[in-house]
């Protein structure tokens, strides 16, 4: 682990190679799992506020789930998350004609309807950020459904922290990411 400001960062962000391969996985991370995407309190309010604007980008099943459960829920572990459709896929996910699952929130963002791209936990995946007293842990969350992304990352030689540059900056800021790059250079120089 490396400390950067108020975070403890796992070496796996430097060691693991990763590039999402949506053609291979079809966005199954939005469907699999036992809970919705983690949210923070600010995102809870954002989802409530933008729901009318994103509704047209959601599936009828997603709209029904959100109308019944709310734009966010507390899951079985007591965590704030996105609601699910029938305890399976995220209520904000939509399936494209080719079978790929995509985020309806991000579709609305891309269409210029909203300024919120998607929950930061989704943007950062496969990295998860866990809050502790006085610091945040930044860890790689290995999941077998991302094996195609690991293979593509290895083929293209893209370390996880570089693949996630944009969301890491969104979460922690430019100065934090610049410090991350310095730590990475030192890490690689010393032979890992």
N, C-alpha and C. Protein backbone atom coordinates (compact mmCIF):
# COMPACT_ATOMS: atom_id res chain seq x y z
N UNK A 1 0.85 -1.19 0.00
CA UNK A 1 0.00 0.00 0.00
C UNK A 1 0.89 1.25 0.00
N UNK A 2 0.40 2.26 -0.69
CA UNK A 2 1.09 3.54 -0.76
C UNK A 2 0.14 4.63 -0.28
N UNK A 3 0.67 5.57 0.48
CA UNK A 3 -0.17 6.68 0.94
C UNK A 3 -0.01 7.87 0.00
N UNK A 4 -1.15 8.35 -0.47
CA UNK A 4 -1.20 9.59 -1.26
C UNK A 4 -2.28 10.43 -0.60
N UNK A 5 -1.85 11.54 0.00
CA UNK A 5 -2.76 12.40 0.77
C UNK A 5 -3.53 11.56 1.79
N UNK A 6 -4.86 11.58 1.71
CA UNK A 6 -5.70 10.88 2.68
C UNK A 6 -6.10 9.48 2.20
N UNK A 7 -5.36 8.94 1.23
CA UNK A 7 -5.71 7.62 0.68
C UNK A 7 -4.58 6.62 0.87
N UNK A 8 -4.95 5.36 1.00
CA UNK A 8 -4.01 4.25 0.94
C UNK A 8 -4.33 3.49 -0.33
N UNK A 9 -3.35 3.43 -1.23
CA UNK A 9 -3.54 2.88 -2.56
C UNK A 9 -2.84 1.53 -2.67
N UNK A 10 -3.56 0.53 -3.16
CA UNK A 10 -3.00 -0.80 -3.35
C UNK A 10 -2.01 -0.81 -4.51
N UNK A 11 -0.94 -1.59 -4.35
CA UNK A 11 0.05 -1.76 -5.42
C UNK A 11 -0.58 -2.37 -6.67
N UNK A 12 -1.71 -3.04 -6.50
CA UNK A 12 -2.35 -3.69 -7.64
C UNK A 12 -2.76 -2.69 -8.72
N UNK A 13 -2.93 -1.42 -8.37
CA UNK A 13 -3.25 -0.42 -9.38
C UNK A 13 -2.08 -0.21 -10.34
N UNK A 14 -0.86 -0.54 -9.89
CA UNK A 14 0.33 -0.46 -10.74
C UNK A 14 0.63 -1.81 -11.39
N UNK A 15 0.33 -2.88 -10.68
CA UNK A 15 0.69 -4.23 -11.13
C UNK A 15 -0.29 -4.82 -12.14
N UNK A 16 -1.57 -4.58 -11.95
CA UNK A 16 -2.59 -5.17 -12.82
C UNK A 16 -2.73 -4.36 -14.10
N UNK A 17 -2.94 -5.07 -15.19
CA UNK A 17 -3.19 -4.42 -16.48
C UNK A 17 -4.65 -4.66 -16.82
N UNK A 18 -5.31 -3.62 -17.34
CA UNK A 18 -6.77 -3.68 -17.49
C UNK A 18 -7.25 -2.67 -18.52
N UNK A 19 -8.08 -3.13 -19.44
CA UNK A 19 -8.78 -2.26 -20.38
C UNK A 19 -10.15 -2.89 -20.61
N UNK A 20 -11.22 -2.19 -20.25
CA UNK A 20 -12.55 -2.76 -20.43
C UNK A 20 -12.72 -3.25 -21.86
N UNK A 21 -13.29 -4.43 -21.97
CA UNK A 21 -13.52 -5.03 -23.28
C UNK A 21 -15.01 -5.31 -23.40
N UNK A 22 -15.77 -4.26 -23.62
CA UNK A 22 -17.23 -4.33 -23.62
C UNK A 22 -17.76 -5.28 -24.70
N UNK A 23 -17.01 -5.44 -25.78
CA UNK A 23 -17.43 -6.37 -26.83
C UNK A 23 -17.42 -7.81 -26.33
N UNK A 24 -16.51 -8.11 -25.43
CA UNK A 24 -16.39 -9.46 -24.89
C UNK A 24 -17.33 -9.70 -23.71
N UNK A 25 -17.39 -8.75 -22.78
CA UNK A 25 -18.17 -8.96 -21.55
C UNK A 25 -19.62 -8.51 -21.68
N UNK A 26 -19.91 -7.66 -22.65
CA UNK A 26 -21.26 -7.14 -22.89
C UNK A 26 -21.81 -6.32 -21.71
N UNK A 27 -20.91 -5.78 -20.86
CA UNK A 27 -21.36 -4.94 -19.75
C UNK A 27 -22.05 -5.72 -18.64
N UNK A 28 -21.67 -6.97 -18.49
CA UNK A 28 -22.34 -7.86 -17.53
C UNK A 28 -22.14 -7.40 -16.08
N UNK A 29 -21.15 -6.54 -15.81
CA UNK A 29 -20.94 -6.06 -14.44
C UNK A 29 -22.13 -5.24 -13.95
N UNK A 30 -22.95 -4.73 -14.88
CA UNK A 30 -24.14 -3.98 -14.49
C UNK A 30 -25.33 -4.90 -14.19
N UNK A 31 -25.12 -6.18 -14.42
CA UNK A 31 -26.19 -7.17 -14.24
C UNK A 31 -25.86 -8.14 -13.11
N UNK A 32 -24.63 -8.61 -13.07
CA UNK A 32 -24.22 -9.60 -12.07
C UNK A 32 -23.98 -8.94 -10.71
N UNK A 33 -23.94 -9.75 -9.69
CA UNK A 33 -23.67 -9.25 -8.34
C UNK A 33 -24.90 -9.36 -7.47
N UNK A 34 -24.73 -9.07 -6.21
CA UNK A 34 -25.83 -9.22 -5.26
C UNK A 34 -26.34 -7.89 -4.71
N UNK A 35 -25.88 -6.80 -5.32
CA UNK A 35 -26.30 -5.48 -4.87
C UNK A 35 -26.15 -4.49 -6.02
N UNK A 36 -26.74 -3.32 -5.87
CA UNK A 36 -26.59 -2.28 -6.87
C UNK A 36 -25.24 -1.60 -6.75
N UNK A 37 -25.01 -0.60 -7.58
CA UNK A 37 -23.76 0.15 -7.55
C UNK A 37 -23.71 1.02 -6.30
N UNK A 38 -22.58 1.02 -5.59
CA UNK A 38 -22.45 1.88 -4.41
C UNK A 38 -22.61 3.35 -4.77
N UNK A 39 -23.27 4.09 -3.89
CA UNK A 39 -23.49 5.52 -4.08
C UNK A 39 -23.00 6.28 -2.85
N UNK A 40 -22.68 7.56 -3.03
CA UNK A 40 -22.42 8.41 -1.88
C UNK A 40 -23.64 9.31 -1.67
N UNK A 41 -23.68 10.03 -0.58
CA UNK A 41 -24.84 10.85 -0.24
C UNK A 41 -25.12 11.91 -1.30
N UNK A 42 -24.08 12.51 -1.85
CA UNK A 42 -24.27 13.53 -2.88
C UNK A 42 -24.95 12.91 -4.11
N UNK A 43 -24.53 11.69 -4.48
CA UNK A 43 -25.12 11.03 -5.64
C UNK A 43 -26.58 10.64 -5.40
N UNK A 44 -26.91 10.35 -4.16
CA UNK A 44 -28.31 10.05 -3.82
C UNK A 44 -29.20 11.21 -4.25
N UNK A 45 -28.80 12.42 -3.91
CA UNK A 45 -29.58 13.60 -4.27
C UNK A 45 -29.53 13.87 -5.78
N UNK A 46 -28.36 13.67 -6.38
CA UNK A 46 -28.22 13.89 -7.82
C UNK A 46 -29.18 12.98 -8.59
N UNK A 47 -29.21 11.69 -8.22
CA UNK A 47 -30.10 10.74 -8.91
C UNK A 47 -31.56 11.15 -8.77
N UNK A 48 -31.91 11.61 -7.61
CA UNK A 48 -33.29 12.08 -7.38
C UNK A 48 -33.59 13.28 -8.30
N UNK A 49 -32.62 14.20 -8.39
CA UNK A 49 -32.81 15.42 -9.19
C UNK A 49 -32.86 15.15 -10.69
N UNK A 50 -32.02 14.22 -11.18
CA UNK A 50 -31.92 14.01 -12.63
C UNK A 50 -32.90 12.95 -13.15
N UNK A 51 -33.58 12.26 -12.26
CA UNK A 51 -34.45 11.17 -12.70
C UNK A 51 -35.42 11.58 -13.82
N UNK A 52 -36.09 12.72 -13.73
CA UNK A 52 -37.00 13.09 -14.82
C UNK A 52 -36.29 13.22 -16.19
N UNK A 53 -35.04 13.68 -16.17
CA UNK A 53 -34.28 13.86 -17.42
C UNK A 53 -33.76 12.54 -17.99
N UNK A 54 -33.51 11.56 -17.15
CA UNK A 54 -32.92 10.31 -17.64
C UNK A 54 -33.96 9.21 -17.92
N UNK A 55 -35.17 9.44 -17.49
CA UNK A 55 -36.22 8.43 -17.61
C UNK A 55 -36.35 7.88 -19.03
N UNK A 56 -36.26 8.77 -20.02
CA UNK A 56 -36.42 8.34 -21.41
C UNK A 56 -35.31 7.40 -21.87
N UNK A 57 -34.19 7.35 -21.12
CA UNK A 57 -33.05 6.50 -21.49
C UNK A 57 -33.07 5.15 -20.75
N UNK A 58 -34.09 4.92 -19.94
CA UNK A 58 -34.17 3.70 -19.13
C UNK A 58 -35.17 2.72 -19.72
N UNK A 59 -35.05 1.47 -19.29
CA UNK A 59 -35.99 0.44 -19.74
C UNK A 59 -37.29 0.56 -18.95
N UNK A 60 -38.39 0.05 -19.49
CA UNK A 60 -39.65 0.06 -18.73
C UNK A 60 -39.51 -0.66 -17.38
N UNK A 61 -38.72 -1.75 -17.36
CA UNK A 61 -38.50 -2.49 -16.11
C UNK A 61 -37.71 -1.66 -15.11
N UNK A 62 -36.73 -0.91 -15.62
CA UNK A 62 -35.93 -0.04 -14.76
C UNK A 62 -36.77 1.07 -14.16
N UNK A 63 -37.61 1.68 -14.99
CA UNK A 63 -38.49 2.75 -14.51
C UNK A 63 -39.44 2.20 -13.44
N UNK A 64 -39.98 1.03 -13.69
CA UNK A 64 -40.89 0.41 -12.72
C UNK A 64 -40.18 0.15 -11.39
N UNK A 65 -38.96 -0.36 -11.45
CA UNK A 65 -38.19 -0.65 -10.24
C UNK A 65 -37.88 0.64 -9.47
N UNK A 66 -37.50 1.69 -10.19
CA UNK A 66 -37.17 2.98 -9.55
C UNK A 66 -38.43 3.62 -8.97
N UNK A 67 -39.52 3.58 -9.71
CA UNK A 67 -40.77 4.15 -9.20
C UNK A 67 -41.23 3.43 -7.93
N UNK A 68 -40.95 2.14 -7.84
CA UNK A 68 -41.36 1.36 -6.67
C UNK A 68 -40.38 1.51 -5.50
N UNK A 69 -39.06 1.48 -5.79
CA UNK A 69 -38.04 1.45 -4.73
C UNK A 69 -37.42 2.81 -4.42
N UNK A 70 -37.46 3.71 -5.40
CA UNK A 70 -36.78 5.00 -5.25
C UNK A 70 -35.54 5.03 -6.12
N UNK A 71 -34.96 6.22 -6.28
CA UNK A 71 -33.79 6.38 -7.14
C UNK A 71 -32.53 5.81 -6.50
N UNK A 72 -32.56 5.54 -5.21
CA UNK A 72 -31.48 4.86 -4.50
C UNK A 72 -32.11 4.05 -3.36
N UNK A 73 -31.36 3.06 -2.89
CA UNK A 73 -31.86 2.17 -1.82
C UNK A 73 -30.75 1.86 -0.84
N UNK A 74 -31.13 1.35 0.31
CA UNK A 74 -30.17 0.78 1.26
C UNK A 74 -30.22 -0.73 1.04
N UNK A 75 -29.07 -1.32 0.70
CA UNK A 75 -29.05 -2.76 0.39
C UNK A 75 -29.02 -3.61 1.65
N UNK A 76 -28.91 -4.91 1.46
CA UNK A 76 -28.93 -5.87 2.57
C UNK A 76 -27.75 -5.73 3.52
N UNK A 77 -26.70 -5.03 3.08
CA UNK A 77 -25.53 -4.80 3.95
C UNK A 77 -25.58 -3.42 4.60
N UNK A 78 -26.69 -2.70 4.38
CA UNK A 78 -26.82 -1.37 4.95
C UNK A 78 -26.11 -0.29 4.17
N UNK A 79 -25.76 -0.58 2.91
CA UNK A 79 -25.04 0.36 2.06
C UNK A 79 -26.00 1.07 1.10
N UNK A 80 -25.72 2.32 0.80
CA UNK A 80 -26.49 3.08 -0.17
C UNK A 80 -26.09 2.64 -1.57
N UNK A 81 -27.07 2.21 -2.38
CA UNK A 81 -26.78 1.70 -3.72
C UNK A 81 -27.88 2.09 -4.70
N UNK A 82 -27.65 1.77 -5.96
CA UNK A 82 -28.70 1.90 -6.97
C UNK A 82 -29.69 0.75 -6.76
N UNK A 83 -30.96 0.96 -7.11
CA UNK A 83 -31.94 -0.12 -7.00
C UNK A 83 -31.71 -1.18 -8.09
N UNK A 84 -32.26 -2.37 -7.86
CA UNK A 84 -32.13 -3.47 -8.81
C UNK A 84 -33.49 -3.82 -9.41
N UNK A 85 -33.46 -4.44 -10.58
CA UNK A 85 -34.65 -5.00 -11.19
C UNK A 85 -34.69 -6.48 -10.81
N UNK A 86 -35.72 -6.88 -10.06
CA UNK A 86 -35.88 -8.28 -9.64
C UNK A 86 -34.62 -8.86 -8.99
N UNK A 87 -33.95 -8.06 -8.15
CA UNK A 87 -32.73 -8.49 -7.46
C UNK A 87 -31.64 -8.95 -8.41
N UNK A 88 -31.60 -8.38 -9.62
CA UNK A 88 -30.59 -8.77 -10.58
C UNK A 88 -29.86 -7.54 -11.10
N UNK A 89 -30.26 -7.03 -12.28
CA UNK A 89 -29.51 -5.93 -12.88
C UNK A 89 -29.86 -4.58 -12.26
N UNK A 90 -28.93 -3.65 -12.40
CA UNK A 90 -29.13 -2.28 -11.95
C UNK A 90 -30.33 -1.70 -12.68
N UNK A 91 -31.16 -0.97 -11.97
CA UNK A 91 -32.35 -0.36 -12.57
C UNK A 91 -32.01 0.69 -13.62
N UNK A 92 -30.78 1.18 -13.62
CA UNK A 92 -30.37 2.20 -14.59
C UNK A 92 -29.75 1.61 -15.85
N UNK A 93 -29.64 0.30 -15.93
CA UNK A 93 -29.02 -0.34 -17.09
C UNK A 93 -30.06 -0.60 -18.18
N UNK A 94 -29.61 -0.50 -19.41
CA UNK A 94 -30.47 -0.84 -20.55
C UNK A 94 -29.68 -1.78 -21.46
N UNK A 95 -30.40 -2.65 -22.14
CA UNK A 95 -29.74 -3.60 -23.04
C UNK A 95 -29.90 -3.12 -24.48
N UNK A 96 -28.79 -3.01 -25.17
CA UNK A 96 -28.77 -2.59 -26.56
C UNK A 96 -29.20 -3.75 -27.46
N UNK A 97 -29.45 -3.47 -28.72
CA UNK A 97 -29.89 -4.48 -29.68
C UNK A 97 -28.89 -5.64 -29.81
N UNK A 98 -27.59 -5.36 -29.65
CA UNK A 98 -26.58 -6.41 -29.78
C UNK A 98 -26.39 -7.22 -28.49
N UNK A 99 -27.21 -6.93 -27.46
CA UNK A 99 -27.12 -7.66 -26.20
C UNK A 99 -26.21 -7.02 -25.17
N UNK A 100 -25.55 -5.93 -25.52
CA UNK A 100 -24.66 -5.24 -24.58
C UNK A 100 -25.47 -4.41 -23.60
N UNK A 101 -25.09 -4.49 -22.33
CA UNK A 101 -25.72 -3.67 -21.29
C UNK A 101 -24.95 -2.37 -21.15
N UNK A 102 -25.68 -1.25 -21.14
CA UNK A 102 -25.06 0.06 -20.99
C UNK A 102 -25.83 0.85 -19.93
N UNK A 103 -25.19 1.88 -19.42
CA UNK A 103 -25.78 2.71 -18.37
C UNK A 103 -26.70 3.76 -18.98
N UNK A 104 -27.95 3.76 -18.58
CA UNK A 104 -28.90 4.76 -19.04
C UNK A 104 -28.53 6.16 -18.59
N UNK A 105 -27.92 6.27 -17.42
CA UNK A 105 -27.47 7.58 -16.94
C UNK A 105 -26.41 8.12 -17.89
N UNK A 106 -25.46 7.26 -18.24
CA UNK A 106 -24.38 7.69 -19.14
C UNK A 106 -24.91 8.00 -20.54
N UNK A 107 -25.94 7.28 -20.97
CA UNK A 107 -26.55 7.59 -22.27
C UNK A 107 -27.15 9.00 -22.25
N UNK A 108 -27.80 9.36 -21.15
CA UNK A 108 -28.37 10.71 -21.02
C UNK A 108 -27.26 11.76 -20.99
N UNK A 109 -26.15 11.44 -20.31
CA UNK A 109 -24.98 12.33 -20.24
C UNK A 109 -24.40 12.55 -21.63
N UNK A 110 -24.21 11.45 -22.37
CA UNK A 110 -23.65 11.52 -23.72
C UNK A 110 -24.56 12.31 -24.66
N UNK A 111 -25.85 12.20 -24.44
CA UNK A 111 -26.82 12.94 -25.27
C UNK A 111 -26.92 14.41 -24.87
N UNK A 112 -26.19 14.81 -23.82
CA UNK A 112 -26.20 16.21 -23.39
C UNK A 112 -27.39 16.61 -22.55
N UNK A 113 -28.13 15.64 -22.03
CA UNK A 113 -29.33 15.93 -21.23
C UNK A 113 -28.99 16.27 -19.78
N UNK A 114 -27.87 15.73 -19.28
CA UNK A 114 -27.45 15.95 -17.88
C UNK A 114 -25.94 16.16 -17.84
N UNK A 115 -25.45 16.70 -16.73
CA UNK A 115 -24.01 16.92 -16.58
C UNK A 115 -23.34 15.87 -15.69
N UNK A 116 -24.13 14.94 -15.16
CA UNK A 116 -23.62 13.88 -14.29
C UNK A 116 -23.38 12.64 -15.14
N UNK A 117 -22.13 12.17 -15.21
CA UNK A 117 -21.80 11.06 -16.11
C UNK A 117 -22.38 9.73 -15.66
N UNK A 118 -22.14 9.36 -14.43
CA UNK A 118 -22.65 8.14 -13.81
C UNK A 118 -22.07 8.08 -12.40
N UNK A 119 -22.57 7.19 -11.54
CA UNK A 119 -21.99 7.10 -10.19
C UNK A 119 -20.49 6.84 -10.26
N UNK A 120 -19.75 7.47 -9.36
CA UNK A 120 -18.29 7.35 -9.39
C UNK A 120 -17.85 5.90 -9.17
N UNK A 121 -18.60 5.11 -8.42
CA UNK A 121 -18.20 3.71 -8.21
C UNK A 121 -18.24 2.94 -9.52
N UNK A 122 -19.16 3.28 -10.41
CA UNK A 122 -19.23 2.63 -11.72
C UNK A 122 -18.08 3.10 -12.61
N UNK A 123 -17.80 4.39 -12.57
CA UNK A 123 -16.74 4.97 -13.39
C UNK A 123 -15.38 4.43 -12.97
N UNK A 124 -15.19 4.19 -11.69
CA UNK A 124 -13.91 3.69 -11.16
C UNK A 124 -13.73 2.18 -11.29
N UNK A 125 -14.80 1.46 -11.57
CA UNK A 125 -14.67 0.00 -11.54
C UNK A 125 -13.63 -0.49 -12.55
N UNK A 126 -12.72 -1.41 -12.16
CA UNK A 126 -12.75 -2.35 -11.04
C UNK A 126 -12.04 -1.89 -9.77
N UNK A 127 -11.91 -0.61 -9.58
CA UNK A 127 -11.36 -0.10 -8.32
C UNK A 127 -12.53 0.26 -7.41
N UNK A 128 -12.39 -0.10 -6.15
CA UNK A 128 -13.37 0.27 -5.14
C UNK A 128 -12.68 1.14 -4.10
N UNK A 129 -13.39 2.15 -3.64
CA UNK A 129 -12.89 3.06 -2.61
C UNK A 129 -13.71 2.82 -1.35
N UNK A 130 -13.03 2.53 -0.27
CA UNK A 130 -13.70 2.26 1.01
C UNK A 130 -13.29 3.34 2.00
N UNK A 131 -14.28 3.94 2.64
CA UNK A 131 -14.03 4.99 3.64
C UNK A 131 -13.75 4.39 5.00
N UNK A 132 -12.70 4.88 5.63
CA UNK A 132 -12.34 4.54 7.00
C UNK A 132 -12.17 5.83 7.77
N UNK A 133 -12.01 5.74 9.05
CA UNK A 133 -11.81 6.93 9.86
C UNK A 133 -10.48 7.60 9.50
N UNK A 134 -10.55 8.74 8.84
CA UNK A 134 -9.35 9.51 8.53
C UNK A 134 -8.69 9.19 7.20
N UNK A 135 -9.12 8.14 6.51
CA UNK A 135 -8.52 7.83 5.21
C UNK A 135 -9.47 7.01 4.36
N UNK A 136 -9.10 6.89 3.08
CA UNK A 136 -9.84 6.05 2.15
C UNK A 136 -8.90 4.99 1.58
N UNK A 137 -9.36 3.76 1.48
CA UNK A 137 -8.58 2.68 0.87
C UNK A 137 -9.00 2.57 -0.59
N UNK A 138 -8.01 2.52 -1.48
CA UNK A 138 -8.25 2.43 -2.92
C UNK A 138 -7.71 1.07 -3.37
N UNK A 139 -8.63 0.15 -3.68
CA UNK A 139 -8.24 -1.23 -3.96
C UNK A 139 -8.82 -1.75 -5.27
N UNK A 140 -8.10 -2.70 -5.85
CA UNK A 140 -8.56 -3.42 -7.04
C UNK A 140 -9.54 -4.50 -6.59
N UNK A 141 -10.67 -4.58 -7.27
CA UNK A 141 -11.69 -5.57 -6.96
C UNK A 141 -11.70 -6.61 -8.08
N UNK A 142 -10.98 -7.71 -7.87
CA UNK A 142 -10.87 -8.74 -8.90
C UNK A 142 -12.18 -9.50 -9.02
N UNK A 143 -12.66 -9.63 -10.27
CA UNK A 143 -13.91 -10.33 -10.53
C UNK A 143 -13.72 -11.09 -11.83
N UNK A 144 -14.04 -12.37 -11.84
CA UNK A 144 -13.77 -13.20 -13.01
C UNK A 144 -14.49 -12.73 -14.27
N UNK A 145 -15.59 -12.01 -14.13
CA UNK A 145 -16.29 -11.53 -15.33
C UNK A 145 -15.48 -10.47 -16.07
N UNK A 146 -14.42 -9.96 -15.43
CA UNK A 146 -13.56 -8.97 -16.07
C UNK A 146 -12.30 -9.61 -16.67
N UNK A 147 -12.28 -10.92 -16.82
CA UNK A 147 -11.08 -11.59 -17.33
C UNK A 147 -10.71 -11.09 -18.74
N UNK A 148 -11.70 -10.80 -19.59
CA UNK A 148 -11.40 -10.29 -20.93
C UNK A 148 -10.73 -8.91 -20.85
N UNK A 149 -11.11 -8.11 -19.87
CA UNK A 149 -10.49 -6.79 -19.68
C UNK A 149 -9.05 -6.94 -19.21
N UNK A 150 -8.80 -7.94 -18.37
CA UNK A 150 -7.43 -8.20 -17.91
C UNK A 150 -6.56 -8.66 -19.08
N UNK A 151 -7.12 -9.53 -19.92
CA UNK A 151 -6.38 -10.01 -21.09
C UNK A 151 -6.07 -8.87 -22.05
N UNK A 152 -7.05 -8.01 -22.32
CA UNK A 152 -6.84 -6.89 -23.23
C UNK A 152 -5.83 -5.91 -22.63
N UNK A 153 -5.93 -5.65 -21.33
CA UNK A 153 -4.97 -4.76 -20.67
C UNK A 153 -3.56 -5.29 -20.76
N UNK A 154 -3.40 -6.59 -20.59
CA UNK A 154 -2.07 -7.22 -20.69
C UNK A 154 -1.55 -7.12 -22.12
N UNK A 155 -2.43 -7.37 -23.09
CA UNK A 155 -2.05 -7.30 -24.50
C UNK A 155 -1.61 -5.87 -24.86
N UNK A 156 -2.34 -4.87 -24.37
CA UNK A 156 -2.04 -3.47 -24.68
C UNK A 156 -1.04 -2.84 -23.71
N UNK A 157 -0.70 -3.57 -22.65
CA UNK A 157 0.23 -3.13 -21.60
C UNK A 157 -0.21 -1.80 -20.97
N UNK A 158 -1.47 -1.80 -20.49
CA UNK A 158 -2.03 -0.62 -19.84
C UNK A 158 -2.27 -0.92 -18.37
N UNK A 159 -1.47 -0.31 -17.48
CA UNK A 159 -1.70 -0.51 -16.05
C UNK A 159 -3.07 0.03 -15.64
N UNK A 160 -3.65 -0.57 -14.63
CA UNK A 160 -4.98 -0.20 -14.16
C UNK A 160 -5.09 1.29 -13.84
N UNK A 161 -4.09 1.86 -13.17
CA UNK A 161 -4.18 3.27 -12.80
C UNK A 161 -4.21 4.18 -14.03
N UNK A 162 -3.58 3.76 -15.13
CA UNK A 162 -3.62 4.57 -16.36
C UNK A 162 -4.97 4.43 -17.05
N UNK A 163 -5.51 3.22 -17.06
CA UNK A 163 -6.82 3.02 -17.66
C UNK A 163 -7.87 3.86 -16.93
N UNK A 164 -7.72 4.00 -15.63
CA UNK A 164 -8.70 4.72 -14.81
C UNK A 164 -8.31 6.18 -14.53
N UNK A 165 -7.47 6.75 -15.37
CA UNK A 165 -7.00 8.12 -15.14
C UNK A 165 -8.17 9.10 -14.97
N UNK A 166 -9.10 9.10 -15.91
CA UNK A 166 -10.21 10.06 -15.86
C UNK A 166 -11.05 9.91 -14.59
N UNK A 167 -11.52 8.71 -14.24
CA UNK A 167 -12.31 8.61 -13.01
C UNK A 167 -11.50 8.84 -11.74
N UNK A 168 -10.21 8.48 -11.74
CA UNK A 168 -9.39 8.77 -10.55
C UNK A 168 -9.24 10.27 -10.36
N UNK A 169 -9.08 11.01 -11.44
CA UNK A 169 -9.02 12.48 -11.35
C UNK A 169 -10.38 13.02 -10.91
N UNK A 170 -11.44 12.46 -11.46
CA UNK A 170 -12.79 12.90 -11.06
C UNK A 170 -12.99 12.70 -9.56
N UNK A 171 -12.50 11.60 -9.03
CA UNK A 171 -12.70 11.28 -7.60
C UNK A 171 -11.76 12.07 -6.69
N UNK A 172 -10.46 12.08 -7.04
CA UNK A 172 -9.46 12.62 -6.12
C UNK A 172 -8.78 13.91 -6.57
N UNK A 173 -8.93 14.30 -7.82
CA UNK A 173 -8.33 15.53 -8.31
C UNK A 173 -7.04 15.31 -9.10
N UNK A 174 -6.66 16.34 -9.85
CA UNK A 174 -5.48 16.27 -10.72
C UNK A 174 -4.20 16.14 -9.92
N UNK A 175 -4.06 16.92 -8.85
CA UNK A 175 -2.83 16.85 -8.04
C UNK A 175 -2.63 15.46 -7.46
N UNK A 176 -3.70 14.85 -6.99
CA UNK A 176 -3.62 13.49 -6.44
C UNK A 176 -3.13 12.53 -7.53
N UNK A 177 -3.69 12.65 -8.74
CA UNK A 177 -3.30 11.73 -9.81
C UNK A 177 -1.84 11.96 -10.22
N UNK A 178 -1.40 13.21 -10.23
CA UNK A 178 0.00 13.49 -10.55
C UNK A 178 0.92 12.84 -9.52
N UNK A 179 0.51 12.87 -8.25
CA UNK A 179 1.28 12.19 -7.19
C UNK A 179 1.27 10.67 -7.44
N UNK A 180 0.14 10.15 -7.88
CA UNK A 180 0.03 8.72 -8.21
C UNK A 180 1.04 8.34 -9.30
N UNK A 181 1.19 9.20 -10.31
CA UNK A 181 2.14 8.94 -11.38
C UNK A 181 3.58 8.94 -10.87
N UNK A 182 3.89 9.83 -9.93
CA UNK A 182 5.23 9.86 -9.33
C UNK A 182 5.47 8.57 -8.56
N UNK A 183 4.49 8.15 -7.77
CA UNK A 183 4.61 6.91 -7.00
C UNK A 183 4.79 5.73 -7.96
N UNK A 184 4.03 5.71 -9.05
CA UNK A 184 4.13 4.62 -10.02
C UNK A 184 5.52 4.56 -10.63
N UNK A 185 6.07 5.70 -11.02
CA UNK A 185 7.43 5.72 -11.61
C UNK A 185 8.45 5.16 -10.63
N UNK A 186 8.35 5.57 -9.36
CA UNK A 186 9.27 5.06 -8.34
C UNK A 186 9.06 3.54 -8.13
N UNK A 187 7.83 3.13 -8.14
CA UNK A 187 7.49 1.72 -7.95
C UNK A 187 8.10 0.87 -9.07
N UNK A 188 7.95 1.33 -10.31
CA UNK A 188 8.50 0.57 -11.45
C UNK A 188 10.03 0.62 -11.46
N UNK A 189 10.60 1.76 -11.05
CA UNK A 189 12.06 1.93 -11.04
C UNK A 189 12.73 0.96 -10.05
N UNK A 190 12.06 0.72 -8.92
CA UNK A 190 12.65 -0.14 -7.90
C UNK A 190 12.39 -1.63 -8.18
N UNK A 191 11.82 -1.91 -9.35
CA UNK A 191 11.60 -3.31 -9.72
C UNK A 191 10.41 -3.94 -9.06
N UNK A 192 9.46 -3.13 -8.65
CA UNK A 192 8.21 -3.58 -8.03
C UNK A 192 8.54 -4.26 -6.72
